[in-house]
Amino acid sequence: MIIFDYNKHDIAFTAIKFNKVRGLNIPERFHTKLTFNNTPVDCYITTKIENSDLLTRVSDKKNQELGIGRYLKFDDELFNMSVYNYSGIKGIGSLLHLSQIITMLENNIPKIKLYALGNAIHFHSKFKFKSDFDSSEKIKDFIIKEIFLNHQKISELDKVREHARKWFAAKNLNKKTKIDCGNGIINEYIRVINEKGLYKADKYNPIQGMEMVLDKKSIKKYKDYFNKMFDNFGIDYHITKGV
């Protein structure tokens, strides 16, 4: 099992091997598993650099492509450009996210960013992605359209709307604090939608998309959660208690 220690950045038990490609530690093809129609499916994940993109493919044992993720590497982030599931097998997107997290950790990249469509926000939030709007105007637009207009009749969001009104009324916050607090309100909105199970009905999902981010701080905080996901998908990788 590969063990990632945040304090030492040690790798032990090299079940997944890595090659240095253009300065990045890229995992060699490794095994994972899914379930389709109650039948286990052996899958393999392969990552390579194509032009300036990182491409991660999920394939079956016959090398038939099941899904693909395309990412860009910037100085301090991975940007998730697209994720496609060609097979219809549940779990392909999860495998691509977990593989990207491995690449992030093994290359000491601080965060992963993406733009999520409205109906995909719940899925990405399961991997602890959070709202990452970079301006108060974008936050204001999202809150008005989603929390006050599209979902105005959802009583479960009453407290979120109360917090939003206070955010609108706050006049003495500096720019960063205003943005951080605004993103916090949107994260509270996502949490309520998730916890109440409202995301299961399309009418309760956000209509518009949003910028989201997963950073190392969240991975450290939820390391046990991620380790369980690695185990569930048969990925031989573990984030240690050295976080």
C-alpha atoms as a PDB file:
ATOM      1  CA  MET A   1       0.000   0.000   0.000  1.00  0.00           C
ATOM      2  CA  ILE A   2       1.213   3.502  -0.774  1.00  0.00           C
ATOM      3  CA  ILE A   3       1.170   5.703   2.299  1.00  0.00           C
ATOM      4  CA  PHE A   4       1.245   9.483   2.005  1.00  0.00           C
ATOM      5  CA  ASP A   5       2.495  11.289   5.105  1.00  0.00           C
ATOM      6  CA  TYR A   6       1.947  15.057   5.083  1.00  0.00           C
ATOM      7  CA  ASN A   7       4.676  15.638   7.644  1.00  0.00           C
ATOM      8  CA  LYS A   8       7.395  13.556   5.997  1.00  0.00           C
ATOM      9  CA  HIS A   9       5.996  13.266   2.472  1.00  0.00           C
ATOM     10  CA  ASP A  10       7.193   9.657   2.584  1.00  0.00           C
ATOM     11  CA  ILE A  11       5.959   6.949   0.242  1.00  0.00           C
ATOM     12  CA  ALA A  12       6.058   3.389   1.574  1.00  0.00           C
ATOM     13  CA  PHE A  13       5.020   0.006   0.178  1.00  0.00           C
ATOM     14  CA  THR A  14       5.155   1.057  -3.467  1.00  0.00           C
ATOM     15  CA  ALA A  15       2.097  -0.752  -4.821  1.00  0.00           C
ATOM     16  CA  ILE A  16       1.502   2.153  -7.185  1.00  0.00           C
ATOM     17  CA  LYS A  17       4.661   3.134  -9.004  1.00  0.00           C
ATOM     18  CA  PHE A  18       5.397   6.598 -10.333  1.00  0.00           C
ATOM     19  CA  ASN A  19       7.427   7.902 -13.244  1.00  0.00           C
ATOM     20  CA  LYS A  20       8.865  11.388 -13.499  1.00  0.00           C
ATOM     21  CA  VAL A  21       7.441  12.995 -16.654  1.00  0.00           C
ATOM     22  CA  ARG A  22       8.118  16.660 -17.421  1.00  0.00           C
ATOM     23  CA  GLY A  23       8.842  17.243 -13.751  1.00  0.00           C
ATOM     24  CA  LEU A  24       5.677  15.562 -12.479  1.00  0.00           C
ATOM     25  CA  ASN A  25       5.256  12.287 -10.609  1.00  0.00           C
ATOM     26  CA  ILE A  26       2.827  10.403 -12.839  1.00  0.00           C
ATOM     27  CA  PRO A  27       1.364   7.099 -11.572  1.00  0.00           C
ATOM     28  CA  GLU A  28       1.867   4.023 -13.685  1.00  0.00           C
ATOM     29  CA  ARG A  29      -1.223   2.041 -14.689  1.00  0.00           C
ATOM     30  CA  PHE A  30      -2.865   0.709 -11.520  1.00  0.00           C
ATOM     31  CA  HIS A  31      -5.779  -1.560 -10.658  1.00  0.00           C
ATOM     32  CA  THR A  32      -9.110  -0.572  -9.127  1.00  0.00           C
ATOM     33  CA  LYS A  33     -12.608  -2.011  -9.016  1.00  0.00           C
ATOM     34  CA  LEU A  34     -16.222  -1.096  -9.677  1.00  0.00           C
ATOM     35  CA  THR A  35     -19.532  -2.914  -9.459  1.00  0.00           C
ATOM     36  CA  PHE A  36     -21.922  -3.143 -12.406  1.00  0.00           C
ATOM     37  CA  ASN A  37     -25.230  -5.048 -12.167  1.00  0.00           C
ATOM     38  CA  ASN A  38     -23.997  -6.517  -8.850  1.00  0.00           C
ATOM     39  CA  THR A  39     -20.936  -7.902 -10.630  1.00  0.00           C
ATOM     40  CA  PRO A  40     -17.373  -6.786  -9.763  1.00  0.00           C
ATOM     41  CA  VAL A  41     -15.572  -5.112 -12.663  1.00  0.00           C
ATOM     42  CA  ASP A  42     -11.772  -4.902 -12.745  1.00  0.00           C
ATOM     43  CA  CYS A  43     -10.669  -1.478 -13.950  1.00  0.00           C
ATOM     44  CA  TYR A  44      -7.354   0.182 -14.598  1.00  0.00           C
ATOM     45  CA  ILE A  45      -6.350   3.836 -14.371  1.00  0.00           C
ATOM     46  CA  THR A  46      -3.713   5.303 -16.656  1.00  0.00           C
ATOM     47  CA  THR A  47      -2.427   8.882 -16.587  1.00  0.00           C
ATOM     48  CA  LYS A  48      -0.277  10.527 -19.233  1.00  0.00           C
ATOM     49  CA  ILE A  49       0.696  13.985 -20.427  1.00  0.00           C
ATOM     50  CA  GLU A  50      -0.647  14.948 -23.839  1.00  0.00           C
ATOM     51  CA  ASN A  51       0.490  18.355 -25.085  1.00  0.00           C
ATOM     52  CA  SER A  52      -0.104  20.537 -22.000  1.00  0.00           C
ATOM     53  CA  ASP A  53      -2.909  18.390 -20.592  1.00  0.00           C
ATOM     54  CA  LEU A  54      -2.954  15.602 -18.030  1.00  0.00           C
ATOM     55  CA  LEU A  55      -5.199  12.815 -19.287  1.00  0.00           C
ATOM     56  CA  THR A  56      -6.491  10.135 -16.926  1.00  0.00           C
ATOM     57  CA  ARG A  57      -8.287   7.159 -18.459  1.00  0.00           C
ATOM     58  CA  VAL A  58     -10.335   4.423 -16.839  1.00  0.00           C
ATOM     59  CA  SER A  59     -10.423   1.190 -18.837  1.00  0.00           C
ATOM     60  CA  ASP A  60     -11.556  -2.392 -18.306  1.00  0.00           C
ATOM     61  CA  LYS A  61      -9.321  -5.472 -18.459  1.00  0.00           C
ATOM     62  CA  LYS A  62      -9.833  -5.611 -22.251  1.00  0.00           C
ATOM     63  CA  ASN A  63      -8.479  -2.050 -22.402  1.00  0.00           C
ATOM     64  CA  GLN A  64     -11.855  -0.668 -23.458  1.00  0.00           C
ATOM     65  CA  GLU A  65     -12.077   2.979 -22.405  1.00  0.00           C
ATOM     66  CA  LEU A  66     -14.803   3.603 -19.818  1.00  0.00           C
ATOM     67  CA  GLY A  67     -14.125   7.220 -18.938  1.00  0.00           C
ATOM     68  CA  ILE A  68     -11.603  10.026 -19.197  1.00  0.00           C
ATOM     69  CA  GLY A  69     -10.620  13.119 -17.228  1.00  0.00           C
ATOM     70  CA  ARG A  70      -8.673  16.053 -18.663  1.00  0.00           C
ATOM     71  CA  TYR A  71      -6.731  18.448 -16.437  1.00  0.00           C
ATOM     72  CA  LEU A  72      -4.365  21.394 -16.702  1.00  0.00           C
ATOM     73  CA  LYS A  73      -1.417  21.903 -14.336  1.00  0.00           C
ATOM     74  CA  PHE A  74      -0.696  25.457 -13.264  1.00  0.00           C
ATOM     75  CA  ASP A  75       1.911  26.622 -10.735  1.00  0.00           C
ATOM     76  CA  ASP A  76      -0.204  26.018  -7.642  1.00  0.00           C
ATOM     77  CA  GLU A  77      -3.224  24.092  -8.865  1.00  0.00           C
ATOM     78  CA  LEU A  78      -4.715  21.416 -11.042  1.00  0.00           C
ATOM     79  CA  PHE A  79      -7.668  22.622 -13.077  1.00  0.00           C
ATOM     80  CA  ASN A  80     -10.250  19.968 -13.865  1.00  0.00           C
ATOM     81  CA  MET A  81     -11.410  20.768 -17.394  1.00  0.00           C
ATOM     82  CA  SER A  82     -13.703  17.816 -18.088  1.00  0.00           C
ATOM     83  CA  VAL A  83     -14.802  14.384 -16.897  1.00  0.00           C
ATOM     84  CA  TYR A  84     -16.574  11.943 -19.203  1.00  0.00           C
ATOM     85  CA  ASN A  85     -18.195   8.603 -18.405  1.00  0.00           C
ATOM     86  CA  TYR A  86     -18.581   6.670 -21.668  1.00  0.00           C
ATOM     87  CA  SER A  87     -19.790   3.448 -20.096  1.00  0.00           C
ATOM     88  CA  GLY A  88     -22.674   4.440 -17.857  1.00  0.00           C
ATOM     89  CA  ILE A  89     -21.056   2.434 -15.052  1.00  0.00           C
ATOM     90  CA  LYS A  90     -21.514   4.219 -11.741  1.00  0.00           C
ATOM     91  CA  GLY A  91     -18.247   5.239 -10.111  1.00  0.00           C
ATOM     92  CA  ILE A  92     -16.179   6.334 -13.117  1.00  0.00           C
ATOM     93  CA  GLY A  93     -16.261   9.976 -12.065  1.00  0.00           C
ATOM     94  CA  SER A  94     -15.293   9.001  -8.528  1.00  0.00           C
ATOM     95  CA  LEU A  95     -12.282   7.045  -9.790  1.00  0.00           C
ATOM     96  CA  LEU A  96     -11.148  10.033 -11.842  1.00  0.00           C
ATOM     97  CA  HIS A  97     -11.443  12.350  -8.834  1.00  0.00           C
ATOM     98  CA  LEU A  98      -9.504   9.954  -6.582  1.00  0.00           C
ATOM     99  CA  SER A  99      -6.771   9.534  -9.181  1.00  0.00           C
ATOM    100  CA  GLN A 100      -6.502  13.300  -9.472  1.00  0.00           C
ATOM    101  CA  ILE A 101      -6.167  13.598  -5.691  1.00  0.00           C
ATOM    102  CA  ILE A 102      -3.273  11.107  -5.800  1.00  0.00           C
ATOM    103  CA  THR A 103      -1.566  13.194  -8.495  1.00  0.00           C
ATOM    104  CA  MET A 104      -2.161  16.322  -6.425  1.00  0.00           C
ATOM    105  CA  LEU A 105      -0.603  14.844  -3.284  1.00  0.00           C
ATOM    106  CA  GLU A 106       2.339  13.178  -4.993  1.00  0.00           C
ATOM    107  CA  ASN A 107       3.304  16.462  -6.647  1.00  0.00           C
ATOM    108  CA  ASN A 108       2.650  18.701  -3.635  1.00  0.00           C
ATOM    109  CA  ILE A 109       0.029  20.696  -5.551  1.00  0.00           C
ATOM    110  CA  PRO A 110      -1.977  22.875  -3.116  1.00  0.00           C
ATOM    111  CA  LYS A 111      -5.421  22.617  -4.727  1.00  0.00           C
ATOM    112  CA  ILE A 112      -7.699  21.322  -7.459  1.00  0.00           C
ATOM    113  CA  LYS A 113     -10.161  23.713  -9.081  1.00  0.00           C
ATOM    114  CA  LEU A 114     -13.087  23.146 -11.422  1.00  0.00           C
ATOM    115  CA  TYR A 115     -16.256  24.679 -12.781  1.00  0.00           C
ATOM    116  CA  ALA A 116     -19.271  22.588 -11.796  1.00  0.00           C
ATOM    117  CA  LEU A 117     -22.561  22.577 -13.654  1.00  0.00           C
ATOM    118  CA  GLY A 118     -25.578  22.987 -11.402  1.00  0.00           C
ATOM    119  CA  ASN A 119     -26.605  19.341 -11.476  1.00  0.00           C
ATOM    120  CA  ALA A 120     -23.017  18.220 -10.720  1.00  0.00           C
ATOM    121  CA  ILE A 121     -22.434  20.353  -7.628  1.00  0.00           C
ATOM    122  CA  HIS A 122     -23.697  17.625  -5.298  1.00  0.00           C
ATOM    123  CA  PHE A 123     -21.345  15.055  -6.860  1.00  0.00           C
ATOM    124  CA  HIS A 124     -18.267  17.264  -6.522  1.00  0.00           C
ATOM    125  CA  SER A 125     -19.208  18.249  -2.971  1.00  0.00           C
ATOM    126  CA  LYS A 126     -19.018  14.549  -2.006  1.00  0.00           C
ATOM    127  CA  PHE A 127     -15.280  14.938  -2.633  1.00  0.00           C
ATOM    128  CA  LYS A 128     -15.219  17.996  -0.363  1.00  0.00           C
ATOM    129  CA  PHE A 129     -15.069  20.549  -3.181  1.00  0.00           C
ATOM    130  CA  LYS A 130     -16.333  23.916  -1.945  1.00  0.00           C
ATOM    131  CA  SER A 131     -17.560  27.172  -3.416  1.00  0.00           C
ATOM    132  CA  ASP A 132     -14.685  29.198  -4.821  1.00  0.00           C
ATOM    133  CA  PHE A 133     -16.179  32.353  -6.279  1.00  0.00           C
ATOM    134  CA  ASP A 134     -13.523  35.058  -6.521  1.00  0.00           C
ATOM    135  CA  SER A 135     -15.709  38.167  -6.262  1.00  0.00           C
ATOM    136  CA  SER A 136     -18.584  39.449  -4.151  1.00  0.00           C
ATOM    137  CA  GLU A 137     -20.559  40.189  -7.306  1.00  0.00           C
ATOM    138  CA  LYS A 138     -20.483  36.544  -8.423  1.00  0.00           C
ATOM    139  CA  ILE A 139     -21.477  35.439  -4.932  1.00  0.00           C
ATOM    140  CA  LYS A 140     -24.297  37.985  -4.823  1.00  0.00           C
ATOM    141  CA  ASP A 141     -25.600  36.801  -8.194  1.00  0.00           C
ATOM    142  CA  PHE A 142     -25.589  33.131  -7.105  1.00  0.00           C
ATOM    143  CA  ILE A 143     -27.268  33.824  -3.758  1.00  0.00           C
ATOM    144  CA  ILE A 144     -30.031  35.951  -5.288  1.00  0.00           C
ATOM    145  CA  LYS A 145     -30.795  33.543  -8.126  1.00  0.00           C
ATOM    146  CA  GLU A 146     -30.503  30.258  -6.239  1.00  0.00           C
ATOM    147  CA  ILE A 147     -31.218  30.856  -2.560  1.00  0.00           C
ATOM    148  CA  PHE A 148     -33.754  33.690  -2.795  1.00  0.00           C
ATOM    149  CA  LEU A 149     -35.454  33.095  -6.159  1.00  0.00           C
ATOM    150  CA  ASN A 150     -35.153  29.516  -7.414  1.00  0.00           C
ATOM    151  CA  HIS A 151     -35.453  27.977  -3.950  1.00  0.00           C
ATOM    152  CA  GLN A 152     -37.463  30.596  -2.103  1.00  0.00           C
ATOM    153  CA  LYS A 153     -40.148  28.101  -1.027  1.00  0.00           C
ATOM    154  CA  ILE A 154     -37.732  25.650   0.607  1.00  0.00           C
ATOM    155  CA  SER A 155     -38.158  26.203   4.336  1.00  0.00           C
ATOM    156  CA  GLU A 156     -34.996  24.210   5.099  1.00  0.00           C
ATOM    157  CA  LEU A 157     -33.034  27.147   3.671  1.00  0.00           C
ATOM    158  CA  ASP A 158     -34.585  29.799   5.934  1.00  0.00           C
ATOM    159  CA  LYS A 159     -31.497  30.005   8.152  1.00  0.00           C
ATOM    160  CA  VAL A 160     -29.211  30.196   5.110  1.00  0.00           C
ATOM    161  CA  ARG A 161     -31.298  33.115   3.800  1.00  0.00           C
ATOM    162  CA  GLU A 162     -31.018  34.797   7.205  1.00  0.00           C
ATOM    163  CA  HIS A 163     -27.225  34.525   7.053  1.00  0.00           C
ATOM    164  CA  ALA A 164     -27.271  35.815   3.475  1.00  0.00           C
ATOM    165  CA  ARG A 165     -29.259  38.904   4.480  1.00  0.00           C
ATOM    166  CA  LYS A 166     -26.671  39.670   7.159  1.00  0.00           C
ATOM    167  CA  TRP A 167     -23.920  39.230   4.557  1.00  0.00           C
ATOM    168  CA  PHE A 168     -25.638  41.694   2.222  1.00  0.00           C
ATOM    169  CA  ALA A 169     -26.011  44.193   5.059  1.00  0.00           C
ATOM    170  CA  ALA A 170     -22.397  43.976   6.249  1.00  0.00           C
ATOM    171  CA  LYS A 171     -20.572  47.173   5.294  1.00  0.00           C
ATOM    172  CA  ASN A 172     -17.281  47.005   7.193  1.00  0.00           C
ATOM    173  CA  LEU A 173     -15.811  43.766   5.834  1.00  0.00           C
ATOM    174  CA  ASN A 174     -12.648  43.911   3.764  1.00  0.00           C
ATOM    175  CA  LYS A 175     -12.697  42.373   0.290  1.00  0.00           C
ATOM    176  CA  LYS A 176     -11.184  38.995   1.248  1.00  0.00           C
ATOM    177  CA  THR A 177     -13.379  38.557   4.309  1.00  0.00           C
ATOM    178  CA  LYS A 178     -16.487  39.479   2.322  1.00  0.00           C
ATOM    179  CA  ILE A 179     -15.651  36.861  -0.324  1.00  0.00           C
ATOM    180  CA  ASP A 180     -14.742  34.192   2.247  1.00  0.00           C
ATOM    181  CA  CYS A 181     -17.978  34.752   4.186  1.00  0.00           C
ATOM    182  CA  GLY A 182     -20.011  34.734   0.971  1.00  0.00           C
ATOM    183  CA  ASN A 183     -18.511  31.439  -0.138  1.00  0.00           C
ATOM    184  CA  GLY A 184     -19.226  30.123   3.349  1.00  0.00           C
ATOM    185  CA  ILE A 185     -22.927  30.898   2.922  1.00  0.00           C
ATOM    186  CA  ILE A 186     -23.006  29.073  -0.407  1.00  0.00           C
ATOM    187  CA  ASN A 187     -21.265  26.087   1.195  1.00  0.00           C
ATOM    188  CA  GLU A 188     -23.908  26.143   3.926  1.00  0.00           C
ATOM    189  CA  TYR A 189     -26.588  26.103   1.205  1.00  0.00           C
ATOM    190  CA  ILE A 190     -24.932  23.088  -0.479  1.00  0.00           C
ATOM    191  CA  ARG A 191     -24.646  21.300   2.872  1.00  0.00           C
ATOM    192  CA  VAL A 192     -28.369  21.737   3.594  1.00  0.00           C
ATOM    193  CA  ILE A 193     -29.355  20.558   0.106  1.00  0.00           C
ATOM    194  CA  ASN A 194     -27.158  17.481   0.608  1.00  0.00           C
ATOM    195  CA  GLU A 195     -28.126  16.649   4.195  1.00  0.00           C
ATOM    196  CA  LYS A 196     -31.869  16.975   3.509  1.00  0.00           C
ATOM    197  CA  GLY A 197     -31.550  14.854   0.377  1.00  0.00           C
ATOM    198  CA  LEU A 198     -33.059  17.632  -1.731  1.00  0.00           C
ATOM    199  CA  TYR A 199     -30.466  17.117  -4.465  1.00  0.00           C
ATOM    200  CA  LYS A 200     -32.324  13.941  -5.471  1.00  0.00           C
ATOM    201  CA  ALA A 201     -34.988  16.083  -7.175  1.00  0.00           C
ATOM    202  CA  ASP A 202     -33.684  18.097 -10.124  1.00  0.00           C
ATOM    203  CA  LYS A 203     -35.834  21.089  -9.201  1.00  0.00           C
ATOM    204  CA  TYR A 204     -33.806  21.527  -6.005  1.00  0.00           C
ATOM    205  CA  ASN A 205     -30.414  21.450  -7.689  1.00  0.00           C
ATOM    206  CA  PRO A 206     -28.840  24.812  -8.587  1.00  0.00           C
ATOM    207  CA  ILE A 207     -29.726  25.998 -12.080  1.00  0.00           C
ATOM    208  CA  GLN A 208     -26.455  27.789 -12.653  1.00  0.00           C
ATOM    209  CA  GLY A 209     -22.950  26.411 -12.230  1.00  0.00           C
ATOM    210  CA  MET A 210     -20.224  27.537  -9.899  1.00  0.00           C
ATOM    211  CA  GLU A 211     -16.465  27.606  -9.341  1.00  0.00           C
ATOM    212  CA  MET A 212     -15.303  25.025  -6.807  1.00  0.00           C
ATOM    213  CA  VAL A 213     -12.038  24.080  -5.108  1.00  0.00           C
ATOM    214  CA  LEU A 214     -10.541  21.194  -3.125  1.00  0.00           C
ATOM    215  CA  ASP A 215      -7.447  22.134  -1.131  1.00  0.00           C
ATOM    216  CA  LYS A 216      -4.960  20.248   1.014  1.00  0.00           C
ATOM    217  CA  LYS A 217      -6.528  21.613   4.170  1.00  0.00           C
ATOM    218  CA  SER A 218      -9.759  19.765   3.362  1.00  0.00           C
ATOM    219  CA  ILE A 219      -7.913  16.575   2.414  1.00  0.00           C
ATOM    220  CA  LYS A 220      -6.053  16.694   5.724  1.00  0.00           C
ATOM    221  CA  LYS A 221      -9.287  17.288   7.634  1.00  0.00           C
ATOM    222  CA  TYR A 222     -11.135  14.453   5.896  1.00  0.00           C
ATOM    223  CA  LYS A 223      -8.264  11.999   5.407  1.00  0.00           C
ATOM    224  CA  ASP A 224     -10.232   9.113   6.985  1.00  0.00           C
ATOM    225  CA  TYR A 225     -13.124   9.804   4.639  1.00  0.00           C
ATOM    226  CA  PHE A 226     -10.825   9.722   1.606  1.00  0.00           C
ATOM    227  CA  ASN A 227      -8.999   6.617   2.834  1.00  0.00           C
ATOM    228  CA  LYS A 228     -12.336   4.816   3.067  1.00  0.00           C
ATOM    229  CA  MET A 229     -13.083   5.813  -0.511  1.00  0.00           C
ATOM    230  CA  PHE A 230      -9.691   4.489  -1.653  1.00  0.00           C
ATOM    231  CA  ASP A 231     -10.486   1.210   0.120  1.00  0.00           C
ATOM    232  CA  ASN A 232     -13.989   0.988  -1.338  1.00  0.00           C
ATOM    233  CA  PHE A 233     -12.618   1.304  -4.859  1.00  0.00           C
ATOM    234  CA  GLY A 234      -9.741  -1.080  -4.249  1.00  0.00           C
ATOM    235  CA  ILE A 235      -7.098   1.612  -4.721  1.00  0.00           C
ATOM    236  CA  ASP A 236      -3.903   0.740  -2.847  1.00  0.00           C
ATOM    237  CA  TYR A 237      -3.254   4.218  -1.460  1.00  0.00           C
ATOM    238  CA  HIS A 238      -3.529   5.623   2.046  1.00  0.00           C
ATOM    239  CA  ILE A 239      -3.153   9.067   3.632  1.00  0.00           C
ATOM    240  CA  THR A 240      -1.568   8.576   7.034  1.00  0.00           C
ATOM    241  CA  LYS A 241      -2.275  10.058  10.456  1.00  0.00           C
ATOM    242  CA  GLY A 242       0.851  12.202   9.989  1.00  0.00           C
ATOM    243  CA  VAL A 243      -1.418  14.883   8.526  1.00  0.00           C
END
